[in-house]
Amino acid sequence: MKQTKQSKKETEHKLRKQLKGKIVSDKMDKTAVVKVNVFKKHPIYKKRYKRFKKYLAHNTNNQFKTGDEVIIESMRPLSKKKRWIIK
């Protein structure tokens, strides 16, 4: 069974990594800083603890503002540190 180019593109799009976070800064043009919280579990003591990481994400037309809950998706690199787009 052949797979068409369009369906191949759709499957590639679905495989992109998505993270949920909150915008903490939108002072740059077309770029926002998104803080993503992750809960981890200690391997021995089984206690859960919170870790976070900040990502630079492409903010098309500056439509998202500080405090907005957003989903970011991985994409090709746009600059040295910017590899995510806000969905």
PDB file of N, CA and C in Angstrom:
ATOM      1  N   MET A   1       0.840  -1.183   0.000  1.00  0.00           N
ATOM      2  CA  MET A   1       0.000   0.000   0.000  1.00  0.00           C
ATOM      3  C   MET A   1       0.889   1.251   0.000  1.00  0.00           C
ATOM      4  N   LYS A   2       0.659   2.144  -0.945  1.00  0.00           N
ATOM      5  CA  LYS A   2       1.469   3.351  -1.051  1.00  0.00           C
ATOM      6  C   LYS A   2       0.996   4.429  -0.080  1.00  0.00           C
ATOM      7  N   GLN A   3       1.967   5.193   0.400  1.00  0.00           N
ATOM      8  CA  GLN A   3       1.629   6.311   1.283  1.00  0.00           C
ATOM      9  C   GLN A   3       1.870   7.606   0.505  1.00  0.00           C
ATOM     10  N   THR A   4       0.840   8.425   0.416  1.00  0.00           N
ATOM     11  CA  THR A   4       0.965   9.653  -0.370  1.00  0.00           C
ATOM     12  C   THR A   4       1.809  10.671   0.371  1.00  0.00           C
ATOM     13  N   LYS A   5       2.264  11.676  -0.377  1.00  0.00           N
ATOM     14  CA  LYS A   5       3.091  12.723   0.233  1.00  0.00           C
ATOM     15  C   LYS A   5       2.334  13.497   1.297  1.00  0.00           C
ATOM     16  N   GLN A   6       1.059  13.734   1.059  1.00  0.00           N
ATOM     17  CA  GLN A   6       0.261  14.509   2.008  1.00  0.00           C
ATOM     18  C   GLN A   6       0.119  13.762   3.334  1.00  0.00           C
ATOM     19  N   SER A   7      -0.180  12.484   3.290  1.00  0.00           N
ATOM     20  CA  SER A   7      -0.330  11.724   4.536  1.00  0.00           C
ATOM     21  C   SER A   7       1.022  11.582   5.247  1.00  0.00           C
ATOM     22  N   LYS A   8       2.109  11.544   4.495  1.00  0.00           N
ATOM     23  CA  LYS A   8       3.439  11.481   5.098  1.00  0.00           C
ATOM     24  C   LYS A   8       3.722  12.766   5.882  1.00  0.00           C
ATOM     25  N   LYS A   9       3.350  13.910   5.299  1.00  0.00           N
ATOM     26  CA  LYS A   9       3.530  15.190   5.982  1.00  0.00           C
ATOM     27  C   LYS A   9       2.705  15.243   7.265  1.00  0.00           C
ATOM     28  N   GLU A  10       1.487  14.744   7.215  1.00  0.00           N
ATOM     29  CA  GLU A  10       0.608  14.760   8.386  1.00  0.00           C
ATOM     30  C   GLU A  10       1.199  13.933   9.514  1.00  0.00           C
ATOM     31  N   THR A  11       1.779  12.762   9.196  1.00  0.00           N
ATOM     32  CA  THR A  11       2.359  11.927  10.241  1.00  0.00           C
ATOM     33  C   THR A  11       3.600  12.590  10.826  1.00  0.00           C
ATOM     34  N   GLU A  12       4.406  13.253   9.992  1.00  0.00           N
ATOM     35  CA  GLU A  12       5.577  13.976  10.496  1.00  0.00           C
ATOM     36  C   GLU A  12       5.143  15.092  11.436  1.00  0.00           C
ATOM     37  N   HIS A  13       4.070  15.783  11.079  1.00  0.00           N
ATOM     38  CA  HIS A  13       3.581  16.882  11.901  1.00  0.00           C
ATOM     39  C   HIS A  13       3.104  16.381  13.261  1.00  0.00           C
ATOM     40  N   LYS A  14       2.487  15.217  13.296  1.00  0.00           N
ATOM     41  CA  LYS A  14       1.975  14.662  14.543  1.00  0.00           C
ATOM     42  C   LYS A  14       3.097  14.201  15.463  1.00  0.00           C
ATOM     43  N   LEU A  15       4.252  13.854  14.920  1.00  0.00           N
ATOM     44  CA  LEU A  15       5.348  13.341  15.722  1.00  0.00           C
ATOM     45  C   LEU A  15       6.147  14.436  16.421  1.00  0.00           C
ATOM     46  N   ARG A  16       5.858  15.691  16.138  1.00  0.00           N
ATOM     47  CA  ARG A  16       6.591  16.779  16.775  1.00  0.00           C
ATOM     48  C   ARG A  16       6.270  16.835  18.264  1.00  0.00           C
ATOM     49  N   LYS A  17       7.286  17.155  19.057  1.00  0.00           N
ATOM     50  CA  LYS A  17       7.117  17.205  20.508  1.00  0.00           C
ATOM     51  C   LYS A  17       6.320  18.446  20.906  1.00  0.00           C
ATOM     52  N   GLN A  18       5.387  18.272  21.835  1.00  0.00           N
ATOM     53  CA  GLN A  18       4.585  19.385  22.325  1.00  0.00           C
ATOM     54  C   GLN A  18       4.720  19.492  23.835  1.00  0.00           C
ATOM     55  N   LEU A  19       4.823  20.733  24.324  1.00  0.00           N
ATOM     56  CA  LEU A  19       4.920  21.007  25.749  1.00  0.00           C
ATOM     57  C   LEU A  19       3.921  22.096  26.119  1.00  0.00           C
ATOM     58  N   LYS A  20       3.431  22.046  27.357  1.00  0.00           N
ATOM     59  CA  LYS A  20       2.469  23.030  27.841  1.00  0.00           C
ATOM     60  C   LYS A  20       3.172  23.918  28.852  1.00  0.00           C
ATOM     61  N   GLY A  21       3.018  25.235  28.705  1.00  0.00           N
ATOM     62  CA  GLY A  21       3.686  26.153  29.617  1.00  0.00           C
ATOM     63  C   GLY A  21       3.007  27.502  29.690  1.00  0.00           C
ATOM     64  N   LYS A  22       3.671  28.424  30.378  1.00  0.00           N
ATOM     65  CA  LYS A  22       3.138  29.763  30.604  1.00  0.00           C
ATOM     66  C   LYS A  22       4.164  30.785  30.116  1.00  0.00           C
ATOM     67  N   ILE A  23       3.690  31.824  29.445  1.00  0.00           N
ATOM     68  CA  ILE A  23       4.588  32.859  28.948  1.00  0.00           C
ATOM     69  C   ILE A  23       5.012  33.753  30.112  1.00  0.00           C
ATOM     70  N   VAL A  24       6.339  33.888  30.289  1.00  0.00           N
ATOM     71  CA  VAL A  24       6.858  34.726  31.372  1.00  0.00           C
ATOM     72  C   VAL A  24       7.442  36.036  30.853  1.00  0.00           C
ATOM     73  N   SER A  25       7.725  36.108  29.550  1.00  0.00           N
ATOM     74  CA  SER A  25       8.242  37.347  28.976  1.00  0.00           C
ATOM     75  C   SER A  25       7.896  37.398  27.494  1.00  0.00           C
ATOM     76  N   ASP A  26       7.458  38.585  27.037  1.00  0.00           N
ATOM     77  CA  ASP A  26       7.192  38.781  25.613  1.00  0.00           C
ATOM     78  C   ASP A  26       7.799  40.095  25.138  1.00  0.00           C
ATOM     79  N   LYS A  27       8.914  40.490  25.732  1.00  0.00           N
ATOM     80  CA  LYS A  27       9.536  41.780  25.422  1.00  0.00           C
ATOM     81  C   LYS A  27      10.259  41.794  24.080  1.00  0.00           C
ATOM     82  N   MET A  28      10.619  40.608  23.558  1.00  0.00           N
ATOM     83  CA  MET A  28      11.311  40.538  22.275  1.00  0.00           C
ATOM     84  C   MET A  28      10.302  40.534  21.132  1.00  0.00           C
ATOM     85  N   ASP A  29      10.737  40.969  19.965  1.00  0.00           N
ATOM     86  CA  ASP A  29       9.849  40.993  18.805  1.00  0.00           C
ATOM     87  C   ASP A  29       9.704  39.590  18.238  1.00  0.00           C
ATOM     88  N   LYS A  30       8.470  39.104  18.136  1.00  0.00           N
ATOM     89  CA  LYS A  30       8.124  37.794  17.584  1.00  0.00           C
ATOM     90  C   LYS A  30       8.746  36.626  18.356  1.00  0.00           C
ATOM     91  N   THR A  31       9.118  36.846  19.608  1.00  0.00           N
ATOM     92  CA  THR A  31       9.687  35.800  20.444  1.00  0.00           C
ATOM     93  C   THR A  31       9.127  35.926  21.848  1.00  0.00           C
ATOM     94  N   ALA A  32       8.847  34.790  22.480  1.00  0.00           N
ATOM     95  CA  ALA A  32       8.365  34.773  23.859  1.00  0.00           C
ATOM     96  C   ALA A  32       9.149  33.738  24.646  1.00  0.00           C
ATOM     97  N   VAL A  33       9.306  33.986  25.948  1.00  0.00           N
ATOM     98  CA  VAL A  33       9.942  33.023  26.830  1.00  0.00           C
ATOM     99  C   VAL A  33       8.831  32.236  27.512  1.00  0.00           C
ATOM    100  N   VAL A  34       8.842  30.907  27.334  1.00  0.00           N
ATOM    101  CA  VAL A  34       7.810  30.041  27.888  1.00  0.00           C
ATOM    102  C   VAL A  34       8.428  29.168  28.976  1.00  0.00           C
ATOM    103  N   LYS A  35       7.820  29.198  30.162  1.00  0.00           N
ATOM    104  CA  LYS A  35       8.289  28.396  31.293  1.00  0.00           C
ATOM    105  C   LYS A  35       7.451  27.121  31.364  1.00  0.00           C
ATOM    106  N   VAL A  36       8.127  25.966  31.295  1.00  0.00           N
ATOM    107  CA  VAL A  36       7.457  24.669  31.319  1.00  0.00           C
ATOM    108  C   VAL A  36       7.810  23.969  32.628  1.00  0.00           C
ATOM    109  N   ASN A  37       6.798  23.646  33.428  1.00  0.00           N
ATOM    110  CA  ASN A  37       6.994  22.933  34.689  1.00  0.00           C
ATOM    111  C   ASN A  37       6.872  21.434  34.470  1.00  0.00           C
ATOM    112  N   VAL A  38       7.744  20.673  35.129  1.00  0.00           N
ATOM    113  CA  VAL A  38       7.729  19.215  35.043  1.00  0.00           C
ATOM    114  C   VAL A  38       7.846  18.646  36.458  1.00  0.00           C
ATOM    115  N   PHE A  39       7.004  17.679  36.785  1.00  0.00           N
ATOM    116  CA  PHE A  39       7.119  16.982  38.061  1.00  0.00           C
ATOM    117  C   PHE A  39       7.928  15.715  37.845  1.00  0.00           C
ATOM    118  N   LYS A  40       8.954  15.526  38.669  1.00  0.00           N
ATOM    119  CA  LYS A  40       9.777  14.327  38.609  1.00  0.00           C
ATOM    120  C   LYS A  40       9.600  13.551  39.898  1.00  0.00           C
ATOM    121  N   LYS A  41       9.933  12.278  39.846  1.00  0.00           N
ATOM    122  CA  LYS A  41       9.814  11.423  41.010  1.00  0.00           C
ATOM    123  C   LYS A  41      11.205  10.943  41.407  1.00  0.00           C
ATOM    124  N   HIS A  42      11.553  11.074  42.679  1.00  0.00           N
ATOM    125  CA  HIS A  42      12.856  10.624  43.149  1.00  0.00           C
ATOM    126  C   HIS A  42      12.925   9.096  43.041  1.00  0.00           C
ATOM    127  N   PRO A  43      14.015   8.555  42.484  1.00  0.00           N
ATOM    128  CA  PRO A  43      14.068   7.113  42.245  1.00  0.00           C
ATOM    129  C   PRO A  43      14.051   6.254  43.516  1.00  0.00           C
ATOM    130  N   ILE A  44      14.587   6.765  44.614  1.00  0.00           N
ATOM    131  CA  ILE A  44      14.634   5.982  45.853  1.00  0.00           C
ATOM    132  C   ILE A  44      13.491   6.348  46.791  1.00  0.00           C
ATOM    133  N   TYR A  45      13.320   7.643  47.049  1.00  0.00           N
ATOM    134  CA  TYR A  45      12.353   8.089  48.053  1.00  0.00           C
ATOM    135  C   TYR A  45      10.937   8.282  47.512  1.00  0.00           C
ATOM    136  N   LYS A  46      10.772   8.223  46.188  1.00  0.00           N
ATOM    137  CA  LYS A  46       9.473   8.321  45.523  1.00  0.00           C
ATOM    138  C   LYS A  46       8.744   9.646  45.753  1.00  0.00           C
ATOM    139  N   LYS A  47       9.435  10.639  46.281  1.00  0.00           N
ATOM    140  CA  LYS A  47       8.819  11.947  46.474  1.00  0.00           C
ATOM    141  C   LYS A  47       8.822  12.691  45.145  1.00  0.00           C
ATOM    142  N   ARG A  48       7.728  13.380  44.860  1.00  0.00           N
ATOM    143  CA  ARG A  48       7.637  14.171  43.635  1.00  0.00           C
ATOM    144  C   ARG A  48       8.161  15.567  43.905  1.00  0.00           C
ATOM    145  N   TYR A  49       8.920  16.105  42.949  1.00  0.00           N
ATOM    146  CA  TYR A  49       9.433  17.456  43.059  1.00  0.00           C
ATOM    147  C   TYR A  49       9.307  18.156  41.713  1.00  0.00           C
ATOM    148  N   LYS A  50       9.254  19.488  41.780  1.00  0.00           N
ATOM    149  CA  LYS A  50       9.001  20.280  40.586  1.00  0.00           C
ATOM    150  C   LYS A  50      10.305  20.819  39.998  1.00  0.00           C
ATOM    151  N   ARG A  51      10.429  20.722  38.701  1.00  0.00           N
ATOM    152  CA  ARG A  51      11.527  21.316  37.945  1.00  0.00           C
ATOM    153  C   ARG A  51      10.918  22.142  36.818  1.00  0.00           C
ATOM    154  N   PHE A  52      11.646  23.152  36.367  1.00  0.00           N
ATOM    155  CA  PHE A  52      11.151  23.926  35.237  1.00  0.00           C
ATOM    156  C   PHE A  52      12.283  24.235  34.273  1.00  0.00           C
ATOM    157  N   LYS A  53      11.894  24.546  33.051  1.00  0.00           N
ATOM    158  CA  LYS A  53      12.839  24.937  32.022  1.00  0.00           C
ATOM    159  C   LYS A  53      12.194  26.039  31.197  1.00  0.00           C
ATOM    160  N   LYS A  54      13.001  26.990  30.766  1.00  0.00           N
ATOM    161  CA  LYS A  54      12.491  28.086  29.946  1.00  0.00           C
ATOM    162  C   LYS A  54      12.923  27.880  28.495  1.00  0.00           C
ATOM    163  N   TYR A  55      11.979  28.060  27.588  1.00  0.00           N
ATOM    164  CA  TYR A  55      12.226  27.904  26.159  1.00  0.00           C
ATOM    165  C   TYR A  55      11.912  29.208  25.443  1.00  0.00           C
ATOM    166  N   LEU A  56      12.710  29.531  24.424  1.00  0.00           N
ATOM    167  CA  LEU A  56      12.388  30.649  23.542  1.00  0.00           C
ATOM    168  C   LEU A  56      11.512  30.096  22.427  1.00  0.00           C
ATOM    169  N   ALA A  57      10.359  30.713  22.222  1.00  0.00           N
ATOM    170  CA  ALA A  57       9.408  30.223  21.225  1.00  0.00           C
ATOM    171  C   ALA A  57       9.004  31.341  20.281  1.00  0.00           C
ATOM    172  N   HIS A  58       8.736  30.967  19.040  1.00  0.00           N
ATOM    173  CA  HIS A  58       8.320  31.926  18.019  1.00  0.00           C
ATOM    174  C   HIS A  58       6.881  32.359  18.278  1.00  0.00           C
ATOM    175  N   ASN A  59       6.679  33.656  18.423  1.00  0.00           N
ATOM    176  CA  ASN A  59       5.371  34.243  18.728  1.00  0.00           C
ATOM    177  C   ASN A  59       4.933  35.054  17.513  1.00  0.00           C
ATOM    178  N   THR A  60       4.287  34.398  16.561  1.00  0.00           N
ATOM    179  CA  THR A  60       3.885  35.051  15.315  1.00  0.00           C
ATOM    180  C   THR A  60       2.976  36.236  15.585  1.00  0.00           C
ATOM    181  N   ASN A  61       3.285  37.373  14.999  1.00  0.00           N
ATOM    182  CA  ASN A  61       2.509  38.623  15.119  1.00  0.00           C
ATOM    183  C   ASN A  61       2.342  39.100  16.560  1.00  0.00           C
ATOM    184  N   ASN A  62       3.165  38.601  17.471  1.00  0.00           N
ATOM    185  CA  ASN A  62       3.111  38.998  18.894  1.00  0.00           C
ATOM    186  C   ASN A  62       1.696  38.883  19.462  1.00  0.00           C
ATOM    187  N   GLN A  63       0.991  37.794  19.123  1.00  0.00           N
ATOM    188  CA  GLN A  63      -0.402  37.658  19.535  1.00  0.00           C
ATOM    189  C   GLN A  63      -0.567  37.136  20.957  1.00  0.00           C
ATOM    190  N   PHE A  64       0.443  36.497  21.548  1.00  0.00           N
ATOM    191  CA  PHE A  64       0.349  35.987  22.914  1.00  0.00           C
ATOM    192  C   PHE A  64       1.091  36.915  23.863  1.00  0.00           C
ATOM    193  N   LYS A  65       0.539  37.124  25.046  1.00  0.00           N
ATOM    194  CA  LYS A  65       1.105  38.059  26.019  1.00  0.00           C
ATOM    195  C   LYS A  65       1.531  37.334  27.295  1.00  0.00           C
ATOM    196  N   THR A  66       2.244  38.037  28.166  1.00  0.00           N
ATOM    197  CA  THR A  66       2.718  37.485  29.426  1.00  0.00           C
ATOM    198  C   THR A  66       1.551  36.966  30.261  1.00  0.00           C
ATOM    199  N   GLY A  67       1.713  35.750  30.801  1.00  0.00           N
ATOM    200  CA  GLY A  67       0.687  35.143  31.634  1.00  0.00           C
ATOM    201  C   GLY A  67      -0.216  34.171  30.901  1.00  0.00           C
ATOM    202  N   ASP A  68      -0.161  34.134  29.576  1.00  0.00           N
ATOM    203  CA  ASP A  68      -1.011  33.225  28.796  1.00  0.00           C
ATOM    204  C   ASP A  68      -0.502  31.792  28.917  1.00  0.00           C
ATOM    205  N   GLU A  69      -1.438  30.832  29.067  1.00  0.00           N
ATOM    206  CA  GLU A  69      -1.110  29.409  29.023  1.00  0.00           C
ATOM    207  C   GLU A  69      -1.089  28.997  27.554  1.00  0.00           C
ATOM    208  N   VAL A  70       0.023  28.398  27.105  1.00  0.00           N
ATOM    209  CA  VAL A  70       0.172  28.054  25.692  1.00  0.00           C
ATOM    210  C   VAL A  70       0.733  26.645  25.534  1.00  0.00           C
ATOM    211  N   ILE A  71       0.623  26.127  24.326  1.00  0.00           N
ATOM    212  CA  ILE A  71       1.262  24.872  23.946  1.00  0.00           C
ATOM    213  C   ILE A  71       2.329  25.222  22.917  1.00  0.00           C
ATOM    214  N   ILE A  72       3.555  24.742  23.158  1.00  0.00           N
ATOM    215  CA  ILE A  72       4.638  24.982  22.202  1.00  0.00           C
ATOM    216  C   ILE A  72       4.967  23.671  21.495  1.00  0.00           C
ATOM    217  N   GLU A  73       5.377  23.792  20.245  1.00  0.00           N
ATOM    218  CA  GLU A  73       5.667  22.624  19.421  1.00  0.00           C
ATOM    219  C   GLU A  73       7.054  22.774  18.815  1.00  0.00           C
ATOM    220  N   SER A  74       7.817  21.688  18.776  1.00  0.00           N
ATOM    221  CA  SER A  74       9.157  21.744  18.210  1.00  0.00           C
ATOM    222  C   SER A  74       9.091  21.986  16.701  1.00  0.00           C
ATOM    223  N   MET A  75      10.135  22.610  16.186  1.00  0.00           N
ATOM    224  CA  MET A  75      10.215  22.895  14.757  1.00  0.00           C
ATOM    225  C   MET A  75      11.678  23.060  14.373  1.00  0.00           C
ATOM    226  N   ARG A  76      11.931  23.390  13.130  1.00  0.00           N
ATOM    227  CA  ARG A  76      13.317  23.608  12.690  1.00  0.00           C
ATOM    228  C   ARG A  76      13.881  24.830  13.394  1.00  0.00           C
ATOM    229  N   PRO A  77      15.193  24.907  13.591  1.00  0.00           N
ATOM    230  CA  PRO A  77      15.778  26.070  14.269  1.00  0.00           C
ATOM    231  C   PRO A  77      15.573  27.366  13.486  1.00  0.00           C
ATOM    232  N   LEU A  78      15.107  28.393  14.188  1.00  0.00           N
ATOM    233  CA  LEU A  78      14.959  29.718  13.584  1.00  0.00           C
ATOM    234  C   LEU A  78      16.133  30.624  13.934  1.00  0.00           C
ATOM    235  N   SER A  79      16.780  30.331  15.051  1.00  0.00           N
ATOM    236  CA  SER A  79      17.958  31.086  15.468  1.00  0.00           C
ATOM    237  C   SER A  79      18.783  30.188  16.383  1.00  0.00           C
ATOM    238  N   LYS A  80      19.757  30.779  17.073  1.00  0.00           N
ATOM    239  CA  LYS A  80      20.650  29.989  17.925  1.00  0.00           C
ATOM    240  C   LYS A  80      19.892  29.245  19.018  1.00  0.00           C
ATOM    241  N   LYS A  81      18.908  29.882  19.642  1.00  0.00           N
ATOM    242  CA  LYS A  81      18.199  29.279  20.767  1.00  0.00           C
ATOM    243  C   LYS A  81      16.710  29.010  20.501  1.00  0.00           C
ATOM    244  N   LYS A  82      16.186  29.496  19.395  1.00  0.00           N
ATOM    245  CA  LYS A  82      14.749  29.397  19.138  1.00  0.00           C
ATOM    246  C   LYS A  82      14.423  28.210  18.240  1.00  0.00           C
ATOM    247  N   ARG A  83      13.796  27.162  18.848  1.00  0.00           N
ATOM    248  CA  ARG A  83      13.451  25.946  18.129  1.00  0.00           C
ATOM    249  C   ARG A  83      12.027  25.496  18.413  1.00  0.00           C
ATOM    250  N   TRP A  84      11.191  26.389  18.903  1.00  0.00           N
ATOM    251  CA  TRP A  84       9.795  26.079  19.267  1.00  0.00           C
ATOM    252  C   TRP A  84       8.868  27.140  18.684  1.00  0.00           C
ATOM    253  N   ILE A  85       7.635  26.750  18.425  1.00  0.00           N
ATOM    254  CA  ILE A  85       6.616  27.692  17.949  1.00  0.00           C
ATOM    255  C   ILE A  85       5.398  27.568  18.855  1.00  0.00           C
ATOM    256  N   ILE A  86       4.746  28.692  19.117  1.00  0.00           N
ATOM    257  CA  ILE A  86       3.558  28.698  19.971  1.00  0.00           C
ATOM    258  C   ILE A  86       2.349  28.329  19.129  1.00  0.00           C
ATOM    259  N   LYS A  87       1.584  27.357  19.613  1.00  0.00           N
ATOM    260  CA  LYS A  87       0.381  26.902  18.916  1.00  0.00           C
ATOM    261  C   LYS A  87      -0.844  27.516  19.531  1.00  0.00           C
TER     262      LYS A  87
END
